[in-house]
Amino acid sequence: MPLNVEDKKAIVADVGAQLAGAQTVVLAEYRGIPVEQLTKLRASARDQGVYLRVLKNTLARRAAQGTQFEPLADSMVGPLIYGISADPIASAKVLQNFAKTQDKLVITAGLYNGKLLDVAGVKSLASIPSRDELLSQLLGVMLAPVSAMARVLGAVAAQKAAGAPAPVAAPVVEVVAAAEVVAEATAPEASAEPAAVSPEAGTEANETPAAE
């Protein structure tokens, strides 16, 4: 059923609100993907805090006007699904991980931190560890010296119980600049940002009507 004017306005307002708080947008063609697979992709996106939606490109362009994502307009061609995230990595990671198992999902472009990304750029962004992954790595670093100290204290107690001289405790490695690691978890390094994309040629006439 065709969308009426009010439906279109509601979609533009909804997408515009998502773009206002986003850092990254990724576009991908979804032609030929079974409905059940798209349902799994949507579930994965929700789990990662990614707004994922099939959109008519005319509405997406309208929603992007006046935002940092307006340069994506020339790449909004064909049947596209849009991944929008406040997390700088999440949308790229969700779509790239899905594309690894479903070759009919074809990433076409993206934009992060005001810079257009080509396919290689989106893949590069997706390869950066997420905030949770970095925090997990940091936790491992922080717990390592605690575990070492626990072993030393256990050995000291055992030696004292046996009446033998206590061993010399090994120095514990100090965790340096932990706050900086946490900060890095929330913003990828500029060096990881790929080159700008040259928008693909195409016209709105080639666009397959979206589901909405």
C-alpha atoms as a PDB file:
ATOM      1  CA  MET A   1       0.000   0.000   0.000  1.00  0.00           C
ATOM      2  CA  PRO A   2       1.429   3.387  -0.997  1.00  0.00           C
ATOM      3  CA  LEU A   3       2.360   5.743   1.803  1.00  0.00           C
ATOM      4  CA  ASN A   4       0.217   8.794   2.277  1.00  0.00           C
ATOM      5  CA  VAL A   5       1.618  12.233   3.078  1.00  0.00           C
ATOM      6  CA  GLU A   6       1.228  11.843   6.824  1.00  0.00           C
ATOM      7  CA  ASP A   7       2.989   8.449   6.795  1.00  0.00           C
ATOM      8  CA  LYS A   8       5.900   9.950   4.880  1.00  0.00           C
ATOM      9  CA  LYS A   9       6.172  12.867   7.287  1.00  0.00           C
ATOM     10  CA  ALA A  10       6.214  10.456  10.237  1.00  0.00           C
ATOM     11  CA  ILE A  11       8.987   8.365   8.675  1.00  0.00           C
ATOM     12  CA  VAL A  12      11.102  11.425   7.866  1.00  0.00           C
ATOM     13  CA  ALA A  13      10.656  12.721  11.418  1.00  0.00           C
ATOM     14  CA  ASP A  14      11.582   9.344  12.933  1.00  0.00           C
ATOM     15  CA  VAL A  15      14.678   8.883  10.790  1.00  0.00           C
ATOM     16  CA  GLY A  16      15.678  12.512  11.296  1.00  0.00           C
ATOM     17  CA  ALA A  17      15.545  12.040  15.069  1.00  0.00           C
ATOM     18  CA  GLN A  18      17.815   9.012  14.775  1.00  0.00           C
ATOM     19  CA  LEU A  19      20.289  10.893  12.585  1.00  0.00           C
ATOM     20  CA  ALA A  20      20.401  13.794  15.031  1.00  0.00           C
ATOM     21  CA  GLY A  21      22.008  11.560  17.668  1.00  0.00           C
ATOM     22  CA  ALA A  22      24.052   9.344  15.343  1.00  0.00           C
ATOM     23  CA  GLN A  23      27.760   9.180  14.632  1.00  0.00           C
ATOM     24  CA  THR A  24      27.662   6.597  11.857  1.00  0.00           C
ATOM     25  CA  VAL A  25      25.348   5.577   9.023  1.00  0.00           C
ATOM     26  CA  VAL A  26      25.934   2.551   6.792  1.00  0.00           C
ATOM     27  CA  LEU A  27      24.019   1.746   3.590  1.00  0.00           C
ATOM     28  CA  ALA A  28      23.627  -1.770   2.200  1.00  0.00           C
ATOM     29  CA  GLU A  29      21.664  -3.380  -0.617  1.00  0.00           C
ATOM     30  CA  TYR A  30      19.441  -6.204   0.615  1.00  0.00           C
ATOM     31  CA  ARG A  31      17.979  -7.486  -2.666  1.00  0.00           C
ATOM     32  CA  GLY A  32      17.056 -11.207  -2.531  1.00  0.00           C
ATOM     33  CA  ILE A  33      17.594 -11.767   1.199  1.00  0.00           C
ATOM     34  CA  PRO A  34      14.899 -14.031   2.704  1.00  0.00           C
ATOM     35  CA  VAL A  35      12.565 -12.433   5.220  1.00  0.00           C
ATOM     36  CA  GLU A  36      13.702 -14.738   8.023  1.00  0.00           C
ATOM     37  CA  GLN A  37      17.307 -13.649   7.481  1.00  0.00           C
ATOM     38  CA  LEU A  38      16.347  -9.985   7.613  1.00  0.00           C
ATOM     39  CA  THR A  39      14.481 -10.704  10.840  1.00  0.00           C
ATOM     40  CA  LYS A  40      17.690 -12.123  12.338  1.00  0.00           C
ATOM     41  CA  LEU A  41      19.619  -9.068  11.151  1.00  0.00           C
ATOM     42  CA  ARG A  42      17.096  -6.742  12.777  1.00  0.00           C
ATOM     43  CA  ALA A  43      17.329  -8.684  16.047  1.00  0.00           C
ATOM     44  CA  SER A  44      21.127  -8.449  15.999  1.00  0.00           C
ATOM     45  CA  ALA A  45      20.906  -4.711  15.308  1.00  0.00           C
ATOM     46  CA  ARG A  46      18.544  -4.155  18.241  1.00  0.00           C
ATOM     47  CA  ASP A  47      20.911  -6.023  20.550  1.00  0.00           C
ATOM     48  CA  GLN A  48      23.736  -3.677  19.520  1.00  0.00           C
ATOM     49  CA  GLY A  49      21.685  -0.491  19.760  1.00  0.00           C
ATOM     50  CA  VAL A  50      21.579  -0.003  15.983  1.00  0.00           C
ATOM     51  CA  TYR A  51      18.550   1.554  14.274  1.00  0.00           C
ATOM     52  CA  LEU A  52      18.029  -0.603  11.182  1.00  0.00           C
ATOM     53  CA  ARG A  53      15.364   0.182   8.616  1.00  0.00           C
ATOM     54  CA  VAL A  54      14.470  -0.356   4.974  1.00  0.00           C
ATOM     55  CA  LEU A  55      13.711   3.074   3.568  1.00  0.00           C
ATOM     56  CA  LYS A  56      12.624   4.717   0.354  1.00  0.00           C
ATOM     57  CA  ASN A  57      15.669   6.705  -0.660  1.00  0.00           C
ATOM     58  CA  THR A  58      13.648   9.856  -1.331  1.00  0.00           C
ATOM     59  CA  LEU A  59      12.529   9.851   2.302  1.00  0.00           C
ATOM     60  CA  ALA A  60      16.035   9.087   3.545  1.00  0.00           C
ATOM     61  CA  ARG A  61      17.437  12.019   1.566  1.00  0.00           C
ATOM     62  CA  ARG A  62      14.783  14.292   3.013  1.00  0.00           C
ATOM     63  CA  ALA A  63      15.580  13.150   6.554  1.00  0.00           C
ATOM     64  CA  ALA A  64      19.322  13.699   5.985  1.00  0.00           C
ATOM     65  CA  GLN A  65      18.945  17.264   4.715  1.00  0.00           C
ATOM     66  CA  GLY A  66      20.680  19.731   6.990  1.00  0.00           C
ATOM     67  CA  THR A  67      22.521  16.999   8.917  1.00  0.00           C
ATOM     68  CA  GLN A  68      26.111  15.786   8.737  1.00  0.00           C
ATOM     69  CA  PHE A  69      24.809  12.801   6.725  1.00  0.00           C
ATOM     70  CA  GLU A  70      23.534  14.866   3.792  1.00  0.00           C
ATOM     71  CA  PRO A  71      26.645  13.974   1.698  1.00  0.00           C
ATOM     72  CA  LEU A  72      25.344  10.375   1.577  1.00  0.00           C
ATOM     73  CA  ALA A  73      22.483  11.498  -0.690  1.00  0.00           C
ATOM     74  CA  ASP A  74      24.306  10.579  -3.906  1.00  0.00           C
ATOM     75  CA  SER A  75      24.877   7.047  -2.577  1.00  0.00           C
ATOM     76  CA  MET A  76      21.186   6.513  -1.765  1.00  0.00           C
ATOM     77  CA  VAL A  77      20.397   4.479  -4.875  1.00  0.00           C
ATOM     78  CA  GLY A  78      18.718   1.100  -5.200  1.00  0.00           C
ATOM     79  CA  PRO A  79      16.949  -1.042  -2.588  1.00  0.00           C
ATOM     80  CA  LEU A  80      18.764  -0.066   0.597  1.00  0.00           C
ATOM     81  CA  ILE A  81      18.667  -0.913   4.259  1.00  0.00           C
ATOM     82  CA  TYR A  82      19.999   1.808   6.557  1.00  0.00           C
ATOM     83  CA  GLY A  83      22.044   1.154   9.694  1.00  0.00           C
ATOM     84  CA  ILE A  84      22.195   4.169  12.018  1.00  0.00           C
ATOM     85  CA  SER A  85      24.051   4.206  15.337  1.00  0.00           C
ATOM     86  CA  ALA A  86      25.161   6.613  18.035  1.00  0.00           C
ATOM     87  CA  ASP A  87      28.047   4.236  18.692  1.00  0.00           C
ATOM     88  CA  PRO A  88      30.707   5.017  16.052  1.00  0.00           C
ATOM     89  CA  ILE A  89      31.345   1.348  15.240  1.00  0.00           C
ATOM     90  CA  ALA A  90      28.125  -0.546  15.915  1.00  0.00           C
ATOM     91  CA  SER A  91      26.249  -0.088  12.637  1.00  0.00           C
ATOM     92  CA  ALA A  92      29.310  -0.951  10.545  1.00  0.00           C
ATOM     93  CA  LYS A  93      30.048  -4.012  12.680  1.00  0.00           C
ATOM     94  CA  VAL A  94      26.471  -5.341  12.618  1.00  0.00           C
ATOM     95  CA  LEU A  95      26.104  -5.071   8.846  1.00  0.00           C
ATOM     96  CA  GLN A  96      29.622  -6.292   8.062  1.00  0.00           C
ATOM     97  CA  ASN A  97      29.256  -9.332  10.333  1.00  0.00           C
ATOM     98  CA  PHE A  98      25.953 -10.205   8.664  1.00  0.00           C
ATOM     99  CA  ALA A  99      27.464  -9.732   5.185  1.00  0.00           C
ATOM    100  CA  LYS A 100      30.092 -12.355   6.032  1.00  0.00           C
ATOM    101  CA  THR A 101      27.365 -15.006   6.224  1.00  0.00           C
ATOM    102  CA  GLN A 102      24.898 -13.576   3.689  1.00  0.00           C
ATOM    103  CA  ASP A 103      26.501 -12.528   0.416  1.00  0.00           C
ATOM    104  CA  LYS A 104      23.266 -10.958  -0.824  1.00  0.00           C
ATOM    105  CA  LEU A 105      23.740  -8.143   1.658  1.00  0.00           C
ATOM    106  CA  VAL A 106      26.076  -5.762  -0.151  1.00  0.00           C
ATOM    107  CA  ILE A 107      27.485  -2.788   1.746  1.00  0.00           C
ATOM    108  CA  THR A 108      27.646   0.206  -0.579  1.00  0.00           C
ATOM    109  CA  ALA A 109      28.667   3.253   1.460  1.00  0.00           C
ATOM    110  CA  GLY A 110      28.783   4.862   4.866  1.00  0.00           C
ATOM    111  CA  LEU A 111      29.606   8.024   6.720  1.00  0.00           C
ATOM    112  CA  TYR A 112      31.458   8.439   9.998  1.00  0.00           C
ATOM    113  CA  ASN A 113      32.627  11.611  11.700  1.00  0.00           C
ATOM    114  CA  GLY A 114      31.603  13.718   8.711  1.00  0.00           C
ATOM    115  CA  LYS A 115      33.606  11.627   6.234  1.00  0.00           C
ATOM    116  CA  LEU A 116      32.191   9.493   3.441  1.00  0.00           C
ATOM    117  CA  LEU A 117      33.285   5.852   3.490  1.00  0.00           C
ATOM    118  CA  ASP A 118      33.521   3.408   0.625  1.00  0.00           C
ATOM    119  CA  VAL A 119      33.071  -0.358   1.098  1.00  0.00           C
ATOM    120  CA  ALA A 120      36.661  -0.828   2.276  1.00  0.00           C
ATOM    121  CA  GLY A 121      36.194   2.074   4.658  1.00  0.00           C
ATOM    122  CA  VAL A 122      33.115   0.526   6.258  1.00  0.00           C
ATOM    123  CA  LYS A 123      34.944  -2.803   6.644  1.00  0.00           C
ATOM    124  CA  SER A 124      37.890  -1.026   8.246  1.00  0.00           C
ATOM    125  CA  LEU A 125      35.585   0.729  10.684  1.00  0.00           C
ATOM    126  CA  ALA A 126      33.869  -2.582  11.502  1.00  0.00           C
ATOM    127  CA  SER A 127      37.227  -4.197  12.325  1.00  0.00           C
ATOM    128  CA  ILE A 128      37.900  -1.800  15.216  1.00  0.00           C
ATOM    129  CA  PRO A 129      37.217  -3.438  18.615  1.00  0.00           C
ATOM    130  CA  SER A 130      33.966  -2.310  20.190  1.00  0.00           C
ATOM    131  CA  ARG A 131      33.787  -0.436  23.480  1.00  0.00           C
ATOM    132  CA  ASP A 132      32.786  -3.628  25.310  1.00  0.00           C
ATOM    133  CA  GLU A 133      35.685  -5.534  23.755  1.00  0.00           C
ATOM    134  CA  LEU A 134      38.167  -2.849  24.786  1.00  0.00           C
ATOM    135  CA  LEU A 135      36.770  -2.722  28.319  1.00  0.00           C
ATOM    136  CA  SER A 136      37.069  -6.503  28.531  1.00  0.00           C
ATOM    137  CA  GLN A 137      40.713  -6.283  27.458  1.00  0.00           C
ATOM    138  CA  LEU A 138      41.323  -3.533  30.012  1.00  0.00           C
ATOM    139  CA  LEU A 139      39.732  -5.635  32.752  1.00  0.00           C
ATOM    140  CA  GLY A 140      42.062  -8.505  31.863  1.00  0.00           C
ATOM    141  CA  VAL A 141      45.083  -6.196  32.176  1.00  0.00           C
ATOM    142  CA  MET A 142      43.872  -4.889  35.520  1.00  0.00           C
ATOM    143  CA  LEU A 143      43.153  -8.342  36.950  1.00  0.00           C
ATOM    144  CA  ALA A 144      46.494  -9.846  35.892  1.00  0.00           C
ATOM    145  CA  PRO A 145      48.568  -8.210  38.669  1.00  0.00           C
ATOM    146  CA  VAL A 146      45.838  -9.004  41.222  1.00  0.00           C
ATOM    147  CA  SER A 147      46.051 -12.683  40.316  1.00  0.00           C
ATOM    148  CA  ALA A 148      49.848 -12.571  40.533  1.00  0.00           C
ATOM    149  CA  MET A 149      49.711 -10.964  43.974  1.00  0.00           C
ATOM    150  CA  ALA A 150      47.208 -13.554  45.155  1.00  0.00           C
ATOM    151  CA  ARG A 151      49.584 -16.340  44.116  1.00  0.00           C
ATOM    152  CA  VAL A 152      52.501 -14.663  45.920  1.00  0.00           C
ATOM    153  CA  LEU A 153      50.487 -14.165  49.112  1.00  0.00           C
ATOM    154  CA  GLY A 154      49.352 -17.780  48.976  1.00  0.00           C
ATOM    155  CA  ALA A 155      52.960 -18.921  48.679  1.00  0.00           C
ATOM    156  CA  VAL A 156      53.989 -16.692  51.598  1.00  0.00           C
ATOM    157  CA  ALA A 157      51.237 -18.129  53.803  1.00  0.00           C
ATOM    158  CA  ALA A 158      52.204 -21.676  52.874  1.00  0.00           C
ATOM    159  CA  GLN A 159      55.875 -21.046  53.638  1.00  0.00           C
ATOM    160  CA  LYS A 160      55.056 -19.464  57.003  1.00  0.00           C
ATOM    161  CA  ALA A 161      52.838 -22.403  57.928  1.00  0.00           C
ATOM    162  CA  ALA A 162      55.731 -24.740  57.133  1.00  0.00           C
ATOM    163  CA  GLY A 163      58.196 -22.601  59.151  1.00  0.00           C
ATOM    164  CA  ALA A 164      60.374 -21.836  56.140  1.00  0.00           C
ATOM    165  CA  PRO A 165      61.585 -18.340  55.088  1.00  0.00           C
ATOM    166  CA  ALA A 166      58.986 -16.463  53.100  1.00  0.00           C
ATOM    167  CA  PRO A 167      59.749 -15.936  49.402  1.00  0.00           C
ATOM    168  CA  VAL A 168      60.377 -12.448  48.060  1.00  0.00           C
ATOM    169  CA  ALA A 169      57.197 -11.077  46.487  1.00  0.00           C
ATOM    170  CA  ALA A 170      57.491 -10.416  42.779  1.00  0.00           C
ATOM    171  CA  PRO A 171      56.827  -6.830  41.731  1.00  0.00           C
ATOM    172  CA  VAL A 172      53.331  -6.155  40.499  1.00  0.00           C
ATOM    173  CA  VAL A 173      52.957  -4.439  37.142  1.00  0.00           C
ATOM    174  CA  GLU A 174      51.084  -1.153  37.481  1.00  0.00           C
ATOM    175  CA  VAL A 175      48.243  -0.491  35.068  1.00  0.00           C
ATOM    176  CA  VAL A 176      49.224   2.709  33.292  1.00  0.00           C
ATOM    177  CA  ALA A 177      46.772   5.173  31.722  1.00  0.00           C
ATOM    178  CA  ALA A 178      43.686   3.011  32.204  1.00  0.00           C
ATOM    179  CA  ALA A 179      41.498   6.061  31.733  1.00  0.00           C
ATOM    180  CA  GLU A 180      42.984   6.647  28.295  1.00  0.00           C
ATOM    181  CA  VAL A 181      42.130   3.087  27.257  1.00  0.00           C
ATOM    182  CA  VAL A 182      38.538   3.596  28.333  1.00  0.00           C
ATOM    183  CA  ALA A 183      38.430   6.862  26.376  1.00  0.00           C
ATOM    184  CA  GLU A 184      39.684   5.062  23.283  1.00  0.00           C
ATOM    185  CA  ALA A 185      36.844   2.595  23.685  1.00  0.00           C
ATOM    186  CA  THR A 186      34.340   5.355  22.998  1.00  0.00           C
ATOM    187  CA  ALA A 187      36.017   6.953  19.975  1.00  0.00           C
ATOM    188  CA  PRO A 188      38.063   5.188  17.230  1.00  0.00           C
ATOM    189  CA  GLU A 189      41.440   6.631  16.346  1.00  0.00           C
ATOM    190  CA  ALA A 190      41.515   8.950  13.359  1.00  0.00           C
ATOM    191  CA  SER A 191      44.139   6.732  11.751  1.00  0.00           C
ATOM    192  CA  ALA A 192      41.540   3.987  11.443  1.00  0.00           C
ATOM    193  CA  GLU A 193      39.322   6.172   9.315  1.00  0.00           C
ATOM    194  CA  PRO A 194      39.433   5.081   5.674  1.00  0.00           C
ATOM    195  CA  ALA A 195      39.529   7.136   2.544  1.00  0.00           C
ATOM    196  CA  ALA A 196      36.515   9.040   1.252  1.00  0.00           C
ATOM    197  CA  VAL A 197      34.277   7.330  -1.263  1.00  0.00           C
ATOM    198  CA  SER A 198      33.422   8.454  -4.740  1.00  0.00           C
ATOM    199  CA  PRO A 199      29.615   8.131  -4.883  1.00  0.00           C
ATOM    200  CA  GLU A 200      28.387   5.549  -7.348  1.00  0.00           C
ATOM    201  CA  ALA A 201      26.480   6.714 -10.356  1.00  0.00           C
ATOM    202  CA  GLY A 202      22.794   6.057 -10.291  1.00  0.00           C
ATOM    203  CA  THR A 203      19.406   7.615 -10.488  1.00  0.00           C
ATOM    204  CA  GLU A 204      16.299   7.410  -8.432  1.00  0.00           C
ATOM    205  CA  ALA A 205      14.620   5.830 -11.475  1.00  0.00           C
ATOM    206  CA  ASN A 206      16.562   2.617 -10.774  1.00  0.00           C
ATOM    207  CA  GLU A 207      15.316   2.431  -7.216  1.00  0.00           C
ATOM    208  CA  THR A 208      13.225  -0.561  -6.177  1.00  0.00           C
ATOM    209  CA  PRO A 209      10.295   0.544  -4.017  1.00  0.00           C
ATOM    210  CA  ALA A 210      11.024  -0.137  -0.379  1.00  0.00           C
ATOM    211  CA  ALA A 211       8.799  -2.104   1.918  1.00  0.00           C
ATOM    212  CA  GLU A 212       7.577   1.078   3.638  1.00  0.00           C
END
